[in-house]
PDB file of N, CA and C in Angstrom:
ATOM      1  N   MET A   1     -56.267 170.070-106.530  1.00  0.00           N
ATOM      2  CA  MET A   1     -55.030 169.343-106.745  1.00  0.00           C
ATOM      3  C   MET A   1     -53.895 170.137-106.094  1.00  0.00           C
ATOM      4  N   VAL A   2     -52.899 169.395-105.593  1.00  0.00           N
ATOM      5  CA  VAL A   2     -51.728 170.008-104.964  1.00  0.00           C
ATOM      6  C   VAL A   2     -50.478 169.542-105.694  1.00  0.00           C
ATOM      7  N   LYS A   3     -49.607 170.497-106.021  1.00  0.00           N
ATOM      8  CA  LYS A   3     -48.307 170.205-106.630  1.00  0.00           C
ATOM      9  C   LYS A   3     -47.270 170.182-105.511  1.00  0.00           C
ATOM     10  N   HIS A   4     -46.346 169.237-105.607  1.00  0.00           N
ATOM     11  CA  HIS A   4     -45.250 169.066-104.641  1.00  0.00           C
ATOM     12  C   HIS A   4     -43.970 168.989-105.476  1.00  0.00           C
ATOM     13  N   ILE A   5     -43.149 170.042-105.405  1.00  0.00           N
ATOM     14  CA  ILE A   5     -41.944 170.110-106.220  1.00  0.00           C
ATOM     15  C   ILE A   5     -40.741 170.277-105.301  1.00  0.00           C
ATOM     16  N   VAL A   6     -39.741 169.410-105.517  1.00  0.00           N
ATOM     17  CA  VAL A   6     -38.544 169.442-104.676  1.00  0.00           C
ATOM     18  C   VAL A   6     -37.306 169.393-105.572  1.00  0.00           C
ATOM     19  N   PHE A   7     -36.370 170.295-105.309  1.00  0.00           N
ATOM     20  CA  PHE A   7     -35.089 170.307-106.002  1.00  0.00           C
ATOM     21  C   PHE A   7     -34.012 169.876-105.007  1.00  0.00           C
ATOM     22  N   PHE A   8     -33.137 168.976-105.440  1.00  0.00           N
ATOM     23  CA  PHE A   8     -32.116 168.403-104.561  1.00  0.00           C
ATOM     24  C   PHE A   8     -30.712 168.729-105.060  1.00  0.00           C
ATOM     25  N   LYS A   9     -29.861 169.149-104.154  1.00  0.00           N
ATOM     26  CA  LYS A   9     -28.429 169.265-104.424  1.00  0.00           C
ATOM     27  C   LYS A   9     -27.782 168.079-103.721  1.00  0.00           C
ATOM     28  N   MET A  10     -27.168 167.217-104.502  1.00  0.00           N
ATOM     29  CA  MET A  10     -26.611 165.980-103.964  1.00  0.00           C
ATOM     30  C   MET A  10     -25.206 166.194-103.392  1.00  0.00           C
ATOM     31  N   LYS A  11     -24.838 165.348-102.427  1.00  0.00           N
ATOM     32  CA  LYS A  11     -23.458 165.294-101.963  1.00  0.00           C
ATOM     33  C   LYS A  11     -22.628 164.625-103.055  1.00  0.00           C
ATOM     34  N   LYS A  12     -21.363 164.985-103.166  1.00  0.00           N
ATOM     35  CA  LYS A  12     -20.507 164.359-104.186  1.00  0.00           C
ATOM     36  C   LYS A  12     -20.345 162.872-103.927  1.00  0.00           C
ATOM     37  N   THR A  13     -20.248 162.508-102.664  1.00  0.00           N
ATOM     38  CA  THR A  13     -20.218 161.097-102.264  1.00  0.00           C
ATOM     39  C   THR A  13     -20.998 160.946-100.967  1.00  0.00           C
ATOM     40  N   ALA A  14     -21.660 159.820-100.831  1.00  0.00           N
ATOM     41  CA  ALA A  14     -22.406 159.504 -99.611  1.00  0.00           C
ATOM     42  C   ALA A  14     -22.725 158.015 -99.628  1.00  0.00           C
ATOM     43  N   LEU A  15     -22.714 157.414 -98.471  1.00  0.00           N
ATOM     44  CA  LEU A  15     -23.046 155.996 -98.338  1.00  0.00           C
ATOM     45  C   LEU A  15     -22.184 155.129 -99.266  1.00  0.00           C
ATOM     46  N   ASN A  16     -20.913 155.468 -99.367  1.00  0.00           N
ATOM     47  CA  ASN A  16     -19.953 154.726-100.190  1.00  0.00           C
ATOM     48  C   ASN A  16     -20.310 154.700-101.667  1.00  0.00           C
ATOM     49  N   ALA A  17     -20.992 155.751-102.137  1.00  0.00           N
ATOM     50  CA  ALA A  17     -21.369 155.838-103.549  1.00  0.00           C
ATOM     51  C   ALA A  17     -21.189 157.275-104.032  1.00  0.00           C
ATOM     52  N   GLY A  18     -20.997 157.416-105.329  1.00  0.00           N
ATOM     53  CA  GLY A  18     -20.893 158.734-105.937  1.00  0.00           C
ATOM     54  C   GLY A  18     -22.256 159.343-106.182  1.00  0.00           C
ATOM     55  N   LYS A  19     -22.241 160.616-106.546  1.00  0.00           N
ATOM     56  CA  LYS A  19     -23.472 161.369-106.776  1.00  0.00           C
ATOM     57  C   LYS A  19     -24.377 160.688-107.804  1.00  0.00           C
ATOM     58  N   GLU A  20     -23.832 160.258-108.925  1.00  0.00           N
ATOM     59  CA  GLU A  20     -24.652 159.672-109.990  1.00  0.00           C
ATOM     60  C   GLU A  20     -25.335 158.385-109.524  1.00  0.00           C
ATOM     61  N   GLU A  21     -24.597 157.571-108.794  1.00  0.00           N
ATOM     62  CA  GLU A  21     -25.173 156.326-108.288  1.00  0.00           C
ATOM     63  C   GLU A  21     -26.299 156.610-107.283  1.00  0.00           C
ATOM     64  N   ASN A  22     -26.087 157.612-106.432  1.00  0.00           N
ATOM     65  CA  ASN A  22     -27.115 157.961-105.450  1.00  0.00           C
ATOM     66  C   ASN A  22     -28.340 158.594-106.104  1.00  0.00           C
ATOM     67  N   ILE A  23     -28.144 159.323-107.189  1.00  0.00           N
ATOM     68  CA  ILE A  23     -29.295 159.872-107.917  1.00  0.00           C
ATOM     69  C   ILE A  23     -30.129 158.730-108.499  1.00  0.00           C
ATOM     70  N   LYS A  24     -29.483 157.735-109.084  1.00  0.00           N
ATOM     71  CA  LYS A  24     -30.211 156.587-109.629  1.00  0.00           C
ATOM     72  C   LYS A  24     -30.992 155.865-108.537  1.00  0.00           C
ATOM     73  N   ALA A  25     -30.368 155.686-107.387  1.00  0.00           N
ATOM     74  CA  ALA A  25     -31.047 155.020-106.268  1.00  0.00           C
ATOM     75  C   ALA A  25     -32.221 155.861-105.778  1.00  0.00           C
ATOM     76  N   LEU A  26     -32.016 157.167-105.689  1.00  0.00           N
ATOM     77  CA  LEU A  26     -33.070 158.065-105.234  1.00  0.00           C
ATOM     78  C   LEU A  26     -34.249 158.041-106.210  1.00  0.00           C
ATOM     79  N   ASP A  27     -33.956 158.072-107.486  1.00  0.00           N
ATOM     80  CA  ASP A  27     -35.002 158.016-108.509  1.00  0.00           C
ATOM     81  C   ASP A  27     -35.828 156.740-108.360  1.00  0.00           C
ATOM     82  N   LYS A  28     -35.157 155.631-108.199  1.00  0.00           N
ATOM     83  CA  LYS A  28     -35.850 154.342-108.044  1.00  0.00           C
ATOM     84  C   LYS A  28     -36.715 154.337-106.776  1.00  0.00           C
ATOM     85  N   LYS A  29     -36.167 154.865-105.690  1.00  0.00           N
ATOM     86  CA  LYS A  29     -36.917 154.899-104.426  1.00  0.00           C
ATOM     87  C   LYS A  29     -38.163 155.783-104.547  1.00  0.00           C
ATOM     88  N   PHE A  30     -38.019 156.961-105.164  1.00  0.00           N
ATOM     89  CA  PHE A  30     -39.191 157.826-105.330  1.00  0.00           C
ATOM     90  C   PHE A  30     -40.256 157.155-106.187  1.00  0.00           C
ATOM     91  N   HIS A  31     -39.862 156.515-107.268  1.00  0.00           N
ATOM     92  CA  HIS A  31     -40.862 155.882-108.138  1.00  0.00           C
ATOM     93  C   HIS A  31     -41.543 154.690-107.465  1.00  0.00           C
ATOM     94  N   SER A  32     -40.927 154.144-106.445  1.00  0.00           N
ATOM     95  CA  SER A  32     -41.603 153.082-105.692  1.00  0.00           C
ATOM     96  C   SER A  32     -42.790 153.634-104.894  1.00  0.00           C
ATOM     97  N   LEU A  33     -42.847 154.960-104.736  1.00  0.00           N
ATOM     98  CA  LEU A  33     -43.925 155.599-103.969  1.00  0.00           C
ATOM     99  C   LEU A  33     -45.100 156.029-104.839  1.00  0.00           C
ATOM    100  N   GLU A  34     -44.988 155.872-106.151  1.00  0.00           N
ATOM    101  CA  GLU A  34     -46.056 156.294-107.071  1.00  0.00           C
ATOM    102  C   GLU A  34     -47.391 155.639-106.768  1.00  0.00           C
ATOM    103  N   LYS A  35     -47.337 154.444-106.220  1.00  0.00           N
ATOM    104  CA  LYS A  35     -48.549 153.663-105.985  1.00  0.00           C
ATOM    105  C   LYS A  35     -49.290 154.078-104.713  1.00  0.00           C
ATOM    106  N   LEU A  36     -48.711 154.961-103.909  1.00  0.00           N
ATOM    107  CA  LEU A  36     -49.359 155.338-102.652  1.00  0.00           C
ATOM    108  C   LEU A  36     -50.663 156.083-102.916  1.00  0.00           C
ATOM    109  N   PRO A  37     -51.629 155.932-102.029  1.00  0.00           N
ATOM    110  CA  PRO A  37     -52.930 156.581-102.214  1.00  0.00           C
ATOM    111  C   PRO A  37     -52.792 158.100-102.340  1.00  0.00           C
ATOM    112  N   GLY A  38     -53.573 158.655-103.247  1.00  0.00           N
ATOM    113  CA  GLY A  38     -53.621 160.107-103.411  1.00  0.00           C
ATOM    114  C   GLY A  38     -52.618 160.669-104.394  1.00  0.00           C
ATOM    115  N   VAL A  39     -51.650 159.858-104.836  1.00  0.00           N
ATOM    116  CA  VAL A  39     -50.665 160.315-105.813  1.00  0.00           C
ATOM    117  C   VAL A  39     -51.286 160.206-107.206  1.00  0.00           C
ATOM    118  N   LEU A  40     -51.370 161.330-107.893  1.00  0.00           N
ATOM    119  CA  LEU A  40     -51.926 161.337-109.244  1.00  0.00           C
ATOM    120  C   LEU A  40     -50.845 161.172-110.304  1.00  0.00           C
ATOM    121  N   LYS A  41     -49.705 161.788-110.060  1.00  0.00           N
ATOM    122  CA  LYS A  41     -48.646 161.807-111.068  1.00  0.00           C
ATOM    123  C   LYS A  41     -47.312 162.053-110.383  1.00  0.00           C
ATOM    124  N   MET A  42     -46.263 161.449-110.923  1.00  0.00           N
ATOM    125  CA  MET A  42     -44.911 161.686-110.427  1.00  0.00           C
ATOM    126  C   MET A  42     -43.964 161.780-111.609  1.00  0.00           C
ATOM    127  N   GLU A  43     -43.104 162.788-111.561  1.00  0.00           N
ATOM    128  CA  GLU A  43     -42.028 162.930-112.535  1.00  0.00           C
ATOM    129  C   GLU A  43     -40.746 163.188-111.759  1.00  0.00           C
ATOM    130  N   THR A  44     -39.664 162.632-112.244  1.00  0.00           N
ATOM    131  CA  THR A  44     -38.354 162.936-111.705  1.00  0.00           C
ATOM    132  C   THR A  44     -37.466 163.320-112.864  1.00  0.00           C
ATOM    133  N   GLY A  45     -36.433 164.075-112.567  1.00  0.00           N
ATOM    134  CA  GLY A  45     -35.541 164.461-113.644  1.00  0.00           C
ATOM    135  C   GLY A  45     -34.177 164.872-113.145  1.00  0.00           C
ATOM    136  N   LEU A  46     -33.205 164.585-113.973  1.00  0.00           N
ATOM    137  CA  LEU A  46     -31.819 164.954-113.718  1.00  0.00           C
ATOM    138  C   LEU A  46     -31.577 166.301-114.383  1.00  0.00           C
ATOM    139  N   SER A  47     -30.974 167.230-113.669  1.00  0.00           N
ATOM    140  CA  SER A  47     -30.694 168.548-114.224  1.00  0.00           C
ATOM    141  C   SER A  47     -29.755 168.440-115.422  1.00  0.00           C
ATOM    142  N   ILE A  48     -30.002 169.233-116.423  1.00  0.00           N
ATOM    143  CA  ILE A  48     -29.163 169.241-117.610  1.00  0.00           C
ATOM    144  C   ILE A  48     -27.818 169.905-117.314  1.00  0.00           C
ATOM    145  N   ASP A  49     -27.838 171.003-116.560  1.00  0.00           N
ATOM    146  CA  ASP A  49     -26.587 171.710-116.284  1.00  0.00           C
ATOM    147  C   ASP A  49     -26.122 171.589-114.836  1.00  0.00           C
ATOM    148  N   ASN A  50     -26.977 171.164-113.953  1.00  0.00           N
ATOM    149  CA  ASN A  50     -26.767 170.984-112.505  1.00  0.00           C
ATOM    150  C   ASN A  50     -25.863 172.020-111.840  1.00  0.00           C
ATOM    151  N   GLU A  51     -25.936 173.266-112.306  1.00  0.00           N
ATOM    152  CA  GLU A  51     -25.214 174.342-111.633  1.00  0.00           C
ATOM    153  C   GLU A  51     -25.776 174.582-110.236  1.00  0.00           C
ATOM    154  N   GLN A  52     -27.084 174.569-110.114  1.00  0.00           N
ATOM    155  CA  GLN A  52     -27.719 174.839-108.827  1.00  0.00           C
ATOM    156  C   GLN A  52     -28.178 173.558-108.140  1.00  0.00           C
ATOM    157  N   TYR A  53     -28.978 172.769-108.843  1.00  0.00           N
ATOM    158  CA  TYR A  53     -29.538 171.548-108.279  1.00  0.00           C
ATOM    159  C   TYR A  53     -29.311 170.397-109.244  1.00  0.00           C
ATOM    160  N   ASP A  54     -29.249 169.192-108.690  1.00  0.00           N
ATOM    161  CA  ASP A  54     -28.915 168.016-109.485  1.00  0.00           C
ATOM    162  C   ASP A  54     -30.123 167.202-109.926  1.00  0.00           C
ATOM    163  N   PHE A  55     -31.178 167.230-109.131  1.00  0.00           N
ATOM    164  CA  PHE A  55     -32.282 166.295-109.316  1.00  0.00           C
ATOM    165  C   PHE A  55     -33.579 166.975-108.889  1.00  0.00           C
ATOM    166  N   CYS A  56     -34.680 166.642-109.578  1.00  0.00           N
ATOM    167  CA  CYS A  56     -35.972 167.247-109.263  1.00  0.00           C
ATOM    168  C   CYS A  56     -37.046 166.170-109.128  1.00  0.00           C
ATOM    169  N   LEU A  57     -37.947 166.383-108.186  1.00  0.00           N
ATOM    170  CA  LEU A  57     -39.131 165.558-107.992  1.00  0.00           C
ATOM    171  C   LEU A  57     -40.344 166.460-108.165  1.00  0.00           C
ATOM    172  N   ASN A  58     -41.283 166.058-109.004  1.00  0.00           N
ATOM    173  CA  ASN A  58     -42.486 166.840-109.266  1.00  0.00           C
ATOM    174  C   ASN A  58     -43.668 165.895-109.132  1.00  0.00           C
ATOM    175  N   MET A  59     -44.529 166.150-108.152  1.00  0.00           N
ATOM    176  CA  MET A  59     -45.660 165.252-107.894  1.00  0.00           C
ATOM    177  C   MET A  59     -46.975 166.022-107.856  1.00  0.00           C
ATOM    178  N   ASP A  60     -48.034 165.351-108.270  1.00  0.00           N
ATOM    179  CA  ASP A  60     -49.393 165.870-108.151  1.00  0.00           C
ATOM    180  C   ASP A  60     -50.165 164.972-107.194  1.00  0.00           C
ATOM    181  N   PHE A  61     -50.906 165.607-106.287  1.00  0.00           N
ATOM    182  CA  PHE A  61     -51.746 164.897-105.311  1.00  0.00           C
ATOM    183  C   PHE A  61     -53.193 165.330-105.468  1.00  0.00           C
ATOM    184  N   VAL A  62     -54.086 164.456-105.078  1.00  0.00           N
ATOM    185  CA  VAL A  62     -55.520 164.727-105.157  1.00  0.00           C
ATOM    186  C   VAL A  62     -55.863 166.023-104.422  1.00  0.00           C
ATOM    187  N   ASP A  63     -55.344 166.156-103.208  1.00  0.00           N
ATOM    188  CA  ASP A  63     -55.621 167.334-102.389  1.00  0.00           C
ATOM    189  C   ASP A  63     -54.552 167.439-101.293  1.00  0.00           C
ATOM    190  N   GLU A  64     -54.683 168.433-100.442  1.00  0.00           N
ATOM    191  CA  GLU A  64     -53.686 168.649 -99.391  1.00  0.00           C
ATOM    192  C   GLU A  64     -53.642 167.488 -98.390  1.00  0.00           C
ATOM    193  N   LYS A  65     -54.780 166.898 -98.095  1.00  0.00           N
ATOM    194  CA  LYS A  65     -54.801 165.752 -97.183  1.00  0.00           C
ATOM    195  C   LYS A  65     -53.992 164.593 -97.766  1.00  0.00           C
ATOM    196  N   ALA A  66     -54.126 164.359 -99.057  1.00  0.00           N
ATOM    197  CA  ALA A  66     -53.364 163.288 -99.704  1.00  0.00           C
ATOM    198  C   ALA A  66     -51.868 163.559 -99.598  1.00  0.00           C
ATOM    199  N   LEU A  67     -51.458 164.813 -99.762  1.00  0.00           N
ATOM    200  CA  LEU A  67     -50.044 165.167 -99.592  1.00  0.00           C
ATOM    201  C   LEU A  67     -49.596 164.895 -98.163  1.00  0.00           C
ATOM    202  N   GLN A  68     -50.386 165.319 -97.198  1.00  0.00           N
ATOM    203  CA  GLN A  68     -50.021 165.110 -95.792  1.00  0.00           C
ATOM    204  C   GLN A  68     -49.957 163.622 -95.449  1.00  0.00           C
ATOM    205  N   ASP A  69     -50.874 162.847 -95.990  1.00  0.00           N
ATOM    206  CA  ASP A  69     -50.856 161.390 -95.775  1.00  0.00           C
ATOM    207  C   ASP A  69     -49.597 160.775 -96.385  1.00  0.00           C
ATOM    208  N   TYR A  70     -49.233 161.227 -97.573  1.00  0.00           N
ATOM    209  CA  TYR A  70     -48.017 160.752 -98.240  1.00  0.00           C
ATOM    210  C   TYR A  70     -46.783 161.077 -97.392  1.00  0.00           C
ATOM    211  N   LEU A  71     -46.703 162.302 -96.905  1.00  0.00           N
ATOM    212  CA  LEU A  71     -45.534 162.724 -96.124  1.00  0.00           C
ATOM    213  C   LEU A  71     -45.380 161.913 -94.841  1.00  0.00           C
ATOM    214  N   ALA A  72     -46.481 161.444 -94.284  1.00  0.00           N
ATOM    215  CA  ALA A  72     -46.446 160.673 -93.040  1.00  0.00           C
ATOM    216  C   ALA A  72     -46.385 159.161 -93.277  1.00  0.00           C
ATOM    217  N   HIS A  73     -46.518 158.734 -94.519  1.00  0.00           N
ATOM    218  CA  HIS A  73     -46.565 157.307 -94.835  1.00  0.00           C
ATOM    219  C   HIS A  73     -45.218 156.644 -94.501  1.00  0.00           C
ATOM    220  N   PRO A  74     -45.226 155.463 -93.887  1.00  0.00           N
ATOM    221  CA  PRO A  74     -43.980 154.779 -93.522  1.00  0.00           C
ATOM    222  C   PRO A  74     -43.026 154.550 -94.697  1.00  0.00           C
ATOM    223  N   GLU A  75     -43.562 154.247 -95.873  1.00  0.00           N
ATOM    224  CA  GLU A  75     -42.689 154.044 -97.041  1.00  0.00           C
ATOM    225  C   GLU A  75     -41.988 155.344 -97.434  1.00  0.00           C
ATOM    226  N   HIS A  76     -42.715 156.465 -97.347  1.00  0.00           N
ATOM    227  CA  HIS A  76     -42.098 157.766 -97.640  1.00  0.00           C
ATOM    228  C   HIS A  76     -41.034 158.093 -96.599  1.00  0.00           C
ATOM    229  N   LEU A  77     -41.306 157.789 -95.353  1.00  0.00           N
ATOM    230  CA  LEU A  77     -40.338 158.089 -94.292  1.00  0.00           C
ATOM    231  C   LEU A  77     -39.036 157.315 -94.487  1.00  0.00           C
ATOM    232  N   LEU A  78     -39.116 156.101 -95.009  1.00  0.00           N
ATOM    233  CA  LEU A  78     -37.894 155.342 -95.320  1.00  0.00           C
ATOM    234  C   LEU A  78     -37.097 156.013 -96.434  1.00  0.00           C
ATOM    235  N   VAL A  79     -37.794 156.465 -97.471  1.00  0.00           N
ATOM    236  CA  VAL A  79     -37.122 157.161 -98.564  1.00  0.00           C
ATOM    237  C   VAL A  79     -36.532 158.475 -98.056  1.00  0.00           C
ATOM    238  N   LYS A  80     -37.283 159.175 -97.224  1.00  0.00           N
ATOM    239  CA  LYS A  80     -36.814 160.452 -96.667  1.00  0.00           C
ATOM    240  C   LYS A  80     -35.516 160.269 -95.886  1.00  0.00           C
ATOM    241  N   SER A  81     -35.405 159.184 -95.171  1.00  0.00           N
ATOM    242  CA  SER A  81     -34.183 158.892 -94.430  1.00  0.00           C
ATOM    243  C   SER A  81     -32.994 158.768 -95.381  1.00  0.00           C
ATOM    244  N   PHE A  82     -33.184 158.054 -96.492  1.00  0.00           N
ATOM    245  CA  PHE A  82     -32.134 157.928 -97.501  1.00  0.00           C
ATOM    246  C   PHE A  82     -31.799 159.297 -98.095  1.00  0.00           C
ATOM    247  N   VAL A  83     -32.835 160.075 -98.390  1.00  0.00           N
ATOM    248  CA  VAL A  83     -32.643 161.402 -98.979  1.00  0.00           C
ATOM    249  C   VAL A  83     -31.671 162.228 -98.143  1.00  0.00           C
ATOM    250  N   PHE A  84     -31.918 162.284 -96.848  1.00  0.00           N
ATOM    251  CA  PHE A  84     -31.098 163.151 -96.006  1.00  0.00           C
ATOM    252  C   PHE A  84     -29.687 162.611 -95.806  1.00  0.00           C
ATOM    253  N   ASP A  85     -29.461 161.354 -96.161  1.00  0.00           N
ATOM    254  CA  ASP A  85     -28.098 160.810 -96.150  1.00  0.00           C
ATOM    255  C   ASP A  85     -27.311 161.217 -97.391  1.00  0.00           C
ATOM    256  N   VAL A  86     -27.992 161.452 -98.509  1.00  0.00           N
ATOM    257  CA  VAL A  86     -27.294 161.654 -99.783  1.00  0.00           C
ATOM    258  C   VAL A  86     -27.363 163.078-100.340  1.00  0.00           C
ATOM    259  N   ILE A  87     -28.171 163.947 -99.722  1.00  0.00           N
ATOM    260  CA  ILE A  87     -28.271 165.313-100.244  1.00  0.00           C
ATOM    261  C   ILE A  87     -27.503 166.295 -99.365  1.00  0.00           C
ATOM    262  N   ASP A  88     -27.094 167.367-100.009  1.00  0.00           N
ATOM    263  CA  ASP A  88     -26.500 168.490 -99.289  1.00  0.00           C
ATOM    264  C   ASP A  88     -27.605 169.404 -98.778  1.00  0.00           C
ATOM    265  N   HIS A  89     -28.556 169.701 -99.668  1.00  0.00           N
ATOM    266  CA  HIS A  89     -29.729 170.492 -99.285  1.00  0.00           C
ATOM    267  C   HIS A  89     -30.813 170.348-100.351  1.00  0.00           C
ATOM    268  N   ARG A  90     -31.979 170.913-100.047  1.00  0.00           N
ATOM    269  CA  ARG A  90     -33.123 170.831-100.959  1.00  0.00           C
ATOM    270  C   ARG A  90     -33.936 172.110-100.867  1.00  0.00           C
ATOM    271  N   VAL A  91     -34.752 172.326-101.872  1.00  0.00           N
ATOM    272  CA  VAL A  91     -35.725 173.403-101.894  1.00  0.00           C
ATOM    273  C   VAL A  91     -37.059 172.769-102.224  1.00  0.00           C
ATOM    274  N   LEU A  92     -38.103 173.145-101.496  1.00  0.00           N
ATOM    275  CA  LEU A  92     -39.407 172.500-101.605  1.00  0.00           C
ATOM    276  C   LEU A  92     -40.491 173.546-101.739  1.00  0.00           C
ATOM    277  N   VAL A  93     -41.423 173.294-102.664  1.00  0.00           N
ATOM    278  CA  VAL A  93     -42.591 174.169-102.823  1.00  0.00           C
ATOM    279  C   VAL A  93     -43.813 173.278-103.006  1.00  0.00           C
ATOM    280  N   ASP A  94     -44.846 173.542-102.215  1.00  0.00           N
ATOM    281  CA  ASP A  94     -46.153 172.890-102.369  1.00  0.00           C
ATOM    282  C   ASP A  94     -47.161 173.998-102.655  1.00  0.00           C
ATOM    283  N   TYR A  95     -48.047 173.760-103.621  1.00  0.00           N
ATOM    284  CA  TYR A  95     -49.079 174.763-103.883  1.00  0.00           C
ATOM    285  C   TYR A  95     -50.320 174.101-104.472  1.00  0.00           C
ATOM    286  N   SER A  96     -51.448 174.767-104.265  1.00  0.00           N
ATOM    287  CA  SER A  96     -52.736 174.267-104.759  1.00  0.00           C
ATOM    288  C   SER A  96     -53.011 174.819-106.145  1.00  0.00           C
ATOM    289  N   ILE A  97     -53.661 173.981-106.952  1.00  0.00           N
ATOM    290  CA  ILE A  97     -54.097 174.422-108.275  1.00  0.00           C
ATOM    291  C   ILE A  97     -55.618 174.423-108.296  1.00  0.00           C
TER     292      ILE A  97
END
């Protein structure tokens, strides 16, 4: 199994929307990807104190190939495009269990 964890620092405003609105949209977009092959589990969460990061994505994949397939999937690429419009930066860690 492979864990895919991403922390996002959002822009205060982007795409004519505030941070909170963009977080809600991002959450909805990520959960639309739960059905993709190889995804075992997905969790998203809003930071309680958001001093460092505002939003987190935590996913489990069957294996590394499933993660790579997900990253290249057209639906993921559409979400990724939105992500880079609304975030300031991100931190990403993938690891095998």
